[in-house]
Amino acid sequence: MSARLIKSGASDPTVLKQRTVILACVLWGDKFRRDFLAYCLPSLLAPGNLPALSAFGSVRFLIAAPRDDYAALAASPVFETASRFAAFERLALPKAAAFKGPTGKMRRMSAGHRLAVSEMFTAGAYGTFIYPDTVFANGAMRRLVAAAGAGDEAVLALCPRFANERFLAALESQRGEDAAAPIALDARTLFRLALPAMHSETRRYDVVAPFFADRPVMIYQAAADGAALIFHSTNWTPLLLDYARLEEHDAATLEDWTIDGDYIWRNWPNPESVRLLGSTDEAGMVSFTREADVSYLPLRRECILSMPGLANLYRRLVLRRFLHSDEIDPLKREQFLVPIEVRLADGDPVALAVARRHVGRLAESVKDGPLTHTERRLLTLLIVINEGIIRHFQYWLCHRKKRVKCPHP
């Protein structure tokens, strides 16, 4: 079976009249709260989002947050406006002290999602997840209505960490003086604002760049005319999950992983029941992260990628190593083969086809299976060449002599 793209067809949005839609967001602290109030929630107030959703049925908006943060949200004008379209409820997020160590932030976010999915399953609701550092294009929630009306069980949308703080400056230039006013931008405008501010993490997934991520959770290539990008991804945002279809609910993923781990596969393992939005024109959303918070700068030119004969081989081996690791479930591996268009404008169909074919050939390498022993040794050799023979020789030498302190490559 293969992963399926959403196809337009008959849809009966009146099914929402008998069902509840639950939106869920987890946040804490000044930064998350400011981003949610300044960008995320105003974008959800665009006519094609919360207002369109509430016109068809009951909408609950769960916020997993500390008490003080929720009180600050509730006191804001934009929150008051949004309350006309959704019934907001607070979920008591565990205190930060319970989540120590380098993965504490991730585990706290997952704890909030556990509370939310439990409520969604108990209510037999349609569920969707809202991240506080995401801006939604006008019409994204209307797509949720159409998916529910078409009887879809699970609908996933592309939402990588696309932009950095320069995107927020560009976004502000599109707004008026009223900070509580809706941000109503179509998907193409939203991505045109975001592309010049692409985050350093996402730039590492470009298959024609002189650098390449060692854990390529996605890959992409821009069309030569700049009108679109073609993505293949393992990371998806659930736009709609129909919990009424589940007889049992497995939330074990959220004990020590995030919602974009293997949660979907555990609950909707059949690729036929999971649909992917094939274009951001259908439901555009841009996730942003400040480079000061997470950054891969400076991006270092990799010598192996300047060798045409080896560059493609290196990317294929790195990609197969990651996609056949324990981190990737069978559903994600299947979904990775599906091309997704990020549209910025109408463009040359030939340029789009060339980009789709080129990045698609790389994505298809997943079908070659896990690396063989020989391929693993070859990849190790290429990594040594790429990162520097002297650096790796020092690492090998100090371990050979069983030294305690030594530089790690």
Protein backbone atom coordinates (compact mmCIF):
# COMPACT_ATOMS: atom_id res chain seq x y z
CA MET A 1 0.00 0.00 0.00
CA SER A 2 1.17 3.54 -0.60
CA ALA A 3 0.69 6.85 1.14
CA ARG A 4 -2.22 8.79 -0.28
CA LEU A 5 -2.58 12.39 -1.32
CA ILE A 6 -5.78 14.29 -0.59
CA LYS A 7 -7.97 14.47 -3.65
CA SER A 8 -10.75 16.96 -4.08
CA GLY A 9 -14.18 15.38 -4.20
CA ALA A 10 -17.60 15.34 -2.64
CA SER A 11 -17.63 16.75 0.86
CA ASP A 12 -20.46 17.19 3.33
CA PRO A 13 -19.39 19.78 5.93
CA THR A 14 -22.67 19.33 7.81
CA VAL A 15 -21.14 16.24 9.47
CA LEU A 16 -19.48 18.70 11.85
CA LYS A 17 -22.91 19.67 13.17
CA GLN A 18 -23.03 16.35 15.04
CA ARG A 19 -19.35 16.36 16.06
CA THR A 20 -16.92 18.48 18.05
CA VAL A 21 -13.62 19.79 16.75
CA ILE A 22 -10.91 20.10 19.40
CA LEU A 23 -7.88 22.28 18.77
CA ALA A 24 -4.99 21.83 21.20
CA CYS A 25 -1.99 23.98 21.97
CA VAL A 26 0.77 23.56 24.57
CA LEU A 27 2.67 26.61 25.76
CA TRP A 28 4.46 28.16 28.69
CA GLY A 29 6.65 31.19 29.33
CA ASP A 30 6.84 34.67 27.87
CA LYS A 31 8.21 33.68 24.46
CA PHE A 32 5.61 31.04 23.63
CA ARG A 33 2.85 33.24 24.99
CA ARG A 34 3.94 36.31 22.99
CA ASP A 35 4.31 34.33 19.77
CA PHE A 36 0.89 32.75 20.23
CA LEU A 37 -0.84 36.08 20.84
CA ALA A 38 1.09 38.10 18.28
CA TYR A 39 1.18 35.69 15.33
CA CYS A 40 -0.46 32.30 15.76
CA LEU A 41 -3.85 33.29 17.16
CA PRO A 42 -4.30 36.32 14.85
CA SER A 43 -3.65 34.04 11.87
CA LEU A 44 -6.32 31.64 13.17
CA LEU A 45 -8.74 34.60 13.20
CA ALA A 46 -8.48 34.93 9.40
CA PRO A 47 -11.94 34.41 7.82
CA GLY A 48 -11.02 30.98 6.45
CA ASN A 49 -9.80 29.63 9.77
CA LEU A 50 -11.57 29.73 13.14
CA PRO A 51 -14.57 31.74 11.86
CA ALA A 52 -15.09 29.24 9.02
CA LEU A 53 -14.64 26.28 11.35
CA SER A 54 -17.09 27.56 13.96
CA ALA A 55 -19.73 28.17 11.29
CA PHE A 56 -20.06 24.40 10.79
CA GLY A 57 -19.98 23.04 14.32
CA SER A 58 -18.80 23.13 17.91
CA VAL A 59 -15.16 24.10 18.47
CA ARG A 60 -13.21 23.60 21.68
CA PHE A 61 -9.73 25.06 22.06
CA LEU A 62 -7.62 23.36 24.73
CA ILE A 63 -4.61 25.24 26.05
CA ALA A 64 -2.20 23.19 28.17
CA ALA A 65 -0.41 25.91 30.12
CA PRO A 66 0.55 27.02 33.62
CA ARG A 67 -2.14 28.98 35.43
CA ASP A 68 -0.32 32.36 35.18
CA ASP A 69 0.32 31.97 31.46
CA TYR A 70 -3.30 31.08 30.78
CA ALA A 71 -4.50 34.08 32.81
CA ALA A 72 -2.27 36.37 30.74
CA LEU A 73 -3.68 34.87 27.52
CA ALA A 74 -7.27 35.30 28.68
CA ALA A 75 -6.68 38.98 29.46
CA SER A 76 -5.58 39.84 25.92
CA PRO A 77 -7.91 41.44 23.32
CA VAL A 78 -7.04 38.86 20.63
CA PHE A 79 -7.98 36.03 22.99
CA GLU A 80 -11.29 37.73 23.71
CA THR A 81 -11.98 37.98 19.98
CA ALA A 82 -11.08 34.33 19.41
CA SER A 83 -13.46 33.31 22.20
CA ARG A 84 -16.34 34.24 19.91
CA PHE A 85 -15.44 31.30 17.69
CA ALA A 86 -14.18 28.65 20.13
CA ALA A 87 -14.70 27.62 23.74
CA PHE A 88 -11.28 27.93 25.39
CA GLU A 89 -10.35 25.56 28.22
CA ARG A 90 -7.19 25.26 30.26
CA LEU A 91 -5.41 21.95 30.80
CA ALA A 92 -3.11 21.96 33.83
CA LEU A 93 0.40 21.57 32.42
CA PRO A 94 2.85 19.95 34.86
CA LYS A 95 5.45 22.28 36.33
CA ALA A 96 8.83 22.68 34.66
CA ALA A 97 10.62 21.19 37.68
CA ALA A 98 9.26 17.79 36.71
CA PHE A 99 11.14 17.89 33.39
CA LYS A 100 14.85 18.23 33.98
CA GLY A 101 17.73 17.58 31.64
CA PRO A 102 18.38 18.36 27.96
CA THR A 103 15.09 16.78 26.83
CA GLY A 104 12.99 18.54 29.46
CA LYS A 105 11.36 21.00 27.08
CA MET A 106 10.38 18.23 24.66
CA ARG A 107 8.98 16.03 27.44
CA ARG A 108 6.97 18.90 28.88
CA MET A 109 5.47 19.62 25.47
CA SER A 110 4.60 15.94 25.10
CA ALA A 111 3.00 15.90 28.56
CA GLY A 112 0.65 18.63 27.38
CA HIS A 113 -0.13 16.70 24.21
CA ARG A 114 -0.91 13.59 26.30
CA LEU A 115 -3.55 15.58 28.17
CA ALA A 116 -4.99 16.84 24.89
CA VAL A 117 -5.15 13.53 23.01
CA SER A 118 -6.79 11.88 26.02
CA GLU A 119 -9.55 14.47 25.87
CA MET A 120 -9.90 14.10 22.09
CA PHE A 121 -10.22 10.33 22.31
CA THR A 122 -12.66 10.43 25.23
CA ALA A 123 -14.85 12.93 23.38
CA GLY A 124 -14.66 11.03 20.07
CA ALA A 125 -13.78 14.37 18.50
CA TYR A 126 -11.95 15.61 15.46
CA GLY A 127 -8.55 16.73 16.72
CA THR A 128 -5.95 19.13 15.41
CA PHE A 129 -2.72 20.44 16.91
CA ILE A 130 -1.70 24.07 17.06
CA TYR A 131 1.87 25.09 17.77
CA PRO A 132 2.34 28.56 19.29
CA ASP A 133 5.17 29.42 16.90
CA THR A 134 3.19 28.73 13.71
CA VAL A 135 1.40 31.13 11.35
CA PHE A 136 -1.56 29.72 9.41
CA ALA A 137 -2.56 30.83 5.94
CA ASN A 138 -6.11 31.98 5.47
CA GLY A 139 -8.19 28.92 4.60
CA ALA A 140 -6.15 26.26 6.44
CA MET A 141 -9.00 25.44 8.84
CA ARG A 142 -11.52 25.47 5.99
CA ARG A 143 -9.49 22.58 4.59
CA LEU A 144 -10.10 20.76 7.86
CA VAL A 145 -13.84 21.21 7.34
CA ALA A 146 -13.57 19.75 3.83
CA ALA A 147 -11.52 16.78 5.05
CA ALA A 148 -14.05 15.98 7.78
CA GLY A 149 -16.87 16.28 5.29
CA ALA A 150 -15.10 13.86 2.93
CA GLY A 151 -14.85 11.25 5.69
CA ASP A 152 -11.07 11.33 6.03
CA GLU A 153 -9.65 9.64 9.13
CA ALA A 154 -6.28 11.40 9.37
CA VAL A 155 -5.01 14.34 7.35
CA LEU A 156 -1.40 15.53 7.64
CA ALA A 157 0.15 18.75 6.39
CA LEU A 158 3.73 19.82 5.80
CA CYS A 159 4.94 22.25 8.47
CA PRO A 160 8.74 22.27 8.84
CA ARG A 161 10.73 24.74 10.93
CA PHE A 162 10.70 26.99 7.91
CA ALA A 163 11.62 30.50 8.99
CA ASN A 164 13.60 32.58 11.48
CA GLU A 165 13.08 35.99 13.07
CA ARG A 166 13.47 37.88 9.78
CA PHE A 167 10.16 36.34 8.76
CA LEU A 168 8.48 37.98 11.74
CA ALA A 169 9.82 41.38 10.65
CA ALA A 170 8.42 40.79 7.16
CA LEU A 171 5.12 39.66 8.65
CA GLU A 172 4.87 42.81 10.75
CA SER A 173 5.22 44.89 7.59
CA GLN A 174 1.98 43.33 6.31
CA ARG A 175 0.00 44.23 9.42
CA GLY A 176 -1.81 47.36 10.45
CA GLU A 177 -1.46 49.12 13.79
CA ASP A 178 -4.02 46.89 15.50
CA ALA A 179 -2.06 43.98 16.97
CA ALA A 180 -5.30 42.10 17.64
CA ALA A 181 -6.45 42.25 14.03
CA PRO A 182 -6.51 39.00 12.02
CA ILE A 183 -3.51 38.05 9.92
CA ALA A 184 -5.23 36.99 6.71
CA LEU A 185 -2.60 36.02 4.16
CA ASP A 186 -2.99 33.42 1.45
CA ALA A 187 -0.50 30.56 1.48
CA ARG A 188 1.62 31.83 -1.39
CA THR A 189 2.05 35.25 0.16
CA LEU A 190 2.94 33.63 3.48
CA PHE A 191 5.67 31.49 1.92
CA ARG A 192 7.01 34.38 -0.17
CA LEU A 193 7.55 36.26 3.10
CA ALA A 194 9.13 33.22 4.75
CA LEU A 195 11.48 31.99 2.01
CA PRO A 196 14.10 34.77 2.28
CA ALA A 197 14.17 34.07 6.03
CA MET A 198 14.51 30.29 5.78
CA HIS A 199 15.84 28.82 9.01
CA SER A 200 19.34 27.35 8.97
CA GLU A 201 17.98 23.91 9.97
CA THR A 202 15.77 23.71 6.88
CA ARG A 203 18.45 25.04 4.55
CA ARG A 204 20.45 21.90 5.38
CA TYR A 205 17.84 19.75 3.61
CA ASP A 206 18.39 21.39 0.20
CA VAL A 207 19.64 18.65 -2.12
CA VAL A 208 21.67 21.03 -4.30
CA ALA A 209 23.28 23.02 -1.47
CA PRO A 210 26.98 22.61 -0.60
CA PHE A 211 26.00 21.14 2.78
CA PHE A 212 23.66 18.35 3.84
CA ALA A 213 22.13 17.31 7.17
CA ASP A 214 23.35 14.09 8.77
CA ARG A 215 19.74 13.38 9.86
CA PRO A 216 17.71 14.45 6.81
CA VAL A 217 14.15 14.38 8.18
CA MET A 218 13.16 15.96 4.88
CA ILE A 219 14.71 16.97 1.57
CA TYR A 220 13.72 19.58 -0.95
CA GLN A 221 14.70 21.33 -4.15
CA ALA A 222 13.58 24.67 -5.55
CA ALA A 223 12.38 24.94 -9.13
CA ALA A 224 14.78 26.86 -11.34
CA ASP A 225 12.31 29.74 -11.76
CA GLY A 226 11.86 30.10 -7.99
CA ALA A 227 8.09 29.64 -8.16
CA ALA A 228 7.95 26.47 -6.02
CA LEU A 229 9.86 24.04 -3.86
CA ILE A 230 9.35 20.27 -3.87
CA PHE A 231 9.62 18.56 -0.47
CA HIS A 232 9.79 14.93 0.64
CA SER A 233 9.33 14.69 4.37
CA THR A 234 9.04 12.46 7.43
CA ASN A 235 7.73 15.36 9.57
CA TRP A 236 4.04 16.18 9.40
CA THR A 237 1.56 18.22 11.40
CA PRO A 238 -1.82 16.55 12.07
CA LEU A 239 -4.42 18.85 10.55
CA LEU A 240 -7.28 16.46 11.31
CA LEU A 241 -7.46 13.23 13.31
CA ASP A 242 -10.80 11.48 13.66
CA TYR A 243 -10.71 9.94 17.13
CA ALA A 244 -14.18 8.45 16.71
CA ARG A 245 -12.59 5.92 14.32
CA LEU A 246 -10.35 4.50 17.06
CA GLU A 247 -11.48 1.58 19.17
CA GLU A 248 -8.28 1.81 21.23
CA HIS A 249 -5.92 4.71 21.73
CA ASP A 250 -2.14 4.30 22.07
CA ALA A 251 -0.41 7.37 23.55
CA ALA A 252 2.81 5.56 24.55
CA THR A 253 4.78 7.71 22.08
CA LEU A 254 4.14 10.75 24.21
CA GLU A 255 5.83 9.24 27.24
CA ASP A 256 9.28 10.04 25.85
CA TRP A 257 8.80 11.39 22.33
CA THR A 258 6.84 14.09 20.54
CA ILE A 259 3.57 14.01 18.63
CA ASP A 260 5.57 13.84 15.38
CA GLY A 261 7.25 10.62 16.51
CA ASP A 262 5.41 7.37 15.77
CA TYR A 263 2.09 8.48 17.31
CA ILE A 264 0.24 8.49 13.97
CA TRP A 265 1.60 5.07 13.00
CA ARG A 266 0.57 3.56 16.34
CA ASN A 267 -3.03 4.73 15.92
CA TRP A 268 -3.55 4.96 12.15
CA PRO A 269 -1.03 2.39 10.84
CA ASN A 270 -2.79 1.75 7.53
CA PRO A 271 -1.44 4.14 4.86
CA GLU A 272 -4.86 4.00 3.19
CA SER A 273 -6.40 5.81 6.16
CA VAL A 274 -3.82 8.61 6.29
CA ARG A 275 -3.99 11.38 3.72
CA LEU A 276 -1.30 13.94 2.90
CA LEU A 277 -1.96 17.41 1.60
CA GLY A 278 0.00 17.55 -1.64
CA SER A 279 0.39 21.32 -1.80
CA THR A 280 0.63 24.21 0.63
CA ASP A 281 -2.01 25.90 -1.50
CA GLU A 282 -4.50 23.62 0.28
CA ALA A 283 -3.45 24.44 3.83
CA GLY A 284 -0.37 26.58 4.27
CA MET A 285 1.38 27.03 7.60
CA VAL A 286 4.80 28.38 8.48
CA SER A 287 6.59 27.38 11.67
CA PHE A 288 9.27 29.81 12.84
CA THR A 289 12.16 29.60 15.29
CA ARG A 290 14.62 32.35 16.14
CA GLU A 291 18.21 31.52 15.26
CA ALA A 292 19.13 32.70 18.75
CA ASP A 293 17.12 29.76 20.13
CA VAL A 294 18.09 27.03 17.67
CA SER A 295 20.69 27.52 14.97
CA TYR A 296 23.01 25.57 12.68
CA LEU A 297 24.95 28.64 11.58
CA PRO A 298 27.47 28.96 10.17
CA LEU A 299 26.62 26.39 7.53
CA ARG A 300 29.91 24.86 6.50
CA ARG A 301 30.61 24.00 2.89
CA GLU A 302 31.27 20.24 2.71
CA CYS A 303 34.11 19.18 0.45
CA ILE A 304 32.48 15.91 -0.60
CA LEU A 305 29.52 17.83 -2.04
CA SER A 306 31.80 19.72 -4.43
CA MET A 307 32.70 16.42 -6.10
CA PRO A 308 29.91 15.67 -8.60
CA GLY A 309 30.72 11.99 -8.76
CA LEU A 310 30.49 11.50 -5.00
CA ALA A 311 27.96 14.11 -3.88
CA ASN A 312 24.87 12.21 -4.98
CA LEU A 313 26.21 8.91 -3.62
CA TYR A 314 26.92 10.55 -0.27
CA ARG A 315 23.42 12.04 -0.02
CA ARG A 316 21.80 8.73 -0.94
CA LEU A 317 23.76 6.80 1.68
CA VAL A 318 23.10 9.38 4.41
CA LEU A 319 19.41 9.41 3.52
CA ARG A 320 19.06 5.62 3.54
CA ARG A 321 20.93 5.34 6.83
CA PHE A 322 18.46 7.72 8.48
CA LEU A 323 15.25 6.50 6.84
CA HIS A 324 15.98 2.90 7.82
CA SER A 325 16.92 3.75 11.40
CA ASP A 326 14.75 2.93 14.41
CA GLU A 327 13.63 6.57 14.44
CA ILE A 328 11.52 6.12 11.31
CA ASP A 329 8.41 3.97 11.35
CA PRO A 330 7.06 2.17 8.24
CA LEU A 331 4.32 4.74 7.68
CA LYS A 332 6.77 7.64 7.64
CA ARG A 333 9.04 5.73 5.29
CA GLU A 334 6.10 5.27 2.92
CA GLN A 335 5.07 8.91 3.19
CA PHE A 336 8.57 10.10 2.41
CA LEU A 337 8.06 9.01 -1.19
CA VAL A 338 5.23 11.52 -1.69
CA PRO A 339 6.26 14.88 -3.24
CA ILE A 340 4.75 17.99 -1.64
CA GLU A 341 4.66 21.35 -3.40
CA VAL A 342 5.38 24.59 -1.57
CA ARG A 343 3.98 27.12 -4.03
CA LEU A 344 5.09 30.75 -4.14
CA ALA A 345 3.62 31.68 -7.53
CA ASP A 346 2.46 30.24 -10.84
CA GLY A 347 5.58 29.17 -12.64
CA ASP A 348 7.10 27.24 -15.50
CA PRO A 349 5.70 23.68 -15.41
CA VAL A 350 8.89 22.39 -17.01
CA ALA A 351 11.06 23.87 -14.24
CA LEU A 352 8.74 22.35 -11.67
CA ALA A 353 8.88 18.94 -13.34
CA VAL A 354 12.70 19.01 -13.44
CA ALA A 355 12.92 19.78 -9.71
CA ARG A 356 10.31 17.14 -8.92
CA ARG A 357 12.18 14.52 -10.94
CA HIS A 358 15.59 15.34 -9.47
CA VAL A 359 14.63 15.38 -5.80
CA GLY A 360 12.26 12.46 -6.40
CA ARG A 361 15.10 10.24 -7.61
CA LEU A 362 16.93 10.88 -4.35
CA ALA A 363 13.80 10.14 -2.32
CA GLU A 364 13.30 6.88 -4.22
CA SER A 365 16.62 5.62 -2.86
CA VAL A 366 14.74 4.66 0.31
CA LYS A 367 13.43 1.69 -1.68
CA ASP A 368 16.96 0.28 -1.80
CA GLY A 369 16.58 -0.72 1.83
CA PRO A 370 18.98 -0.44 4.78
CA LEU A 371 22.68 0.03 4.13
CA THR A 372 24.67 -3.13 3.62
CA HIS A 373 27.85 -3.70 5.62
CA THR A 374 29.92 -2.58 2.64
CA GLU A 375 27.80 0.56 2.17
CA ARG A 376 28.16 1.44 5.85
CA ARG A 377 31.93 1.24 5.56
CA LEU A 378 31.83 3.30 2.36
CA LEU A 379 29.72 5.97 4.08
CA THR A 380 32.16 6.06 6.98
CA LEU A 381 34.99 6.65 4.51
CA LEU A 382 33.07 9.45 2.80
CA ILE A 383 32.33 11.08 6.16
CA VAL A 384 36.04 10.95 7.05
CA ILE A 385 36.89 12.60 3.74
CA ASN A 386 34.12 15.14 4.21
CA GLU A 387 34.94 16.14 7.79
CA GLY A 388 38.70 15.91 7.58
CA ILE A 389 41.12 13.01 7.77
CA ILE A 390 43.28 14.66 10.44
CA ARG A 391 40.29 15.26 12.71
CA HIS A 392 39.18 11.64 12.49
CA PHE A 393 42.73 10.32 12.82
CA GLN A 394 43.11 12.22 16.10
CA TYR A 395 39.85 10.73 17.34
CA TRP A 396 40.92 7.22 16.36
CA LEU A 397 44.40 7.65 17.81
CA CYS A 398 43.28 8.86 21.22
CA HIS A 399 40.76 6.01 21.52
CA ARG A 400 43.46 3.60 20.39
CA LYS A 401 45.56 4.76 23.32
CA LYS A 402 42.47 4.70 25.58
CA ARG A 403 42.77 8.31 26.59
CA VAL A 404 39.95 9.77 28.62
CA LYS A 405 39.76 13.12 26.92
CA CYS A 406 39.84 13.36 23.18
CA PRO A 407 38.17 15.45 20.47
CA HIS A 408 35.03 13.84 19.12
CA PRO A 409 34.33 14.31 15.40
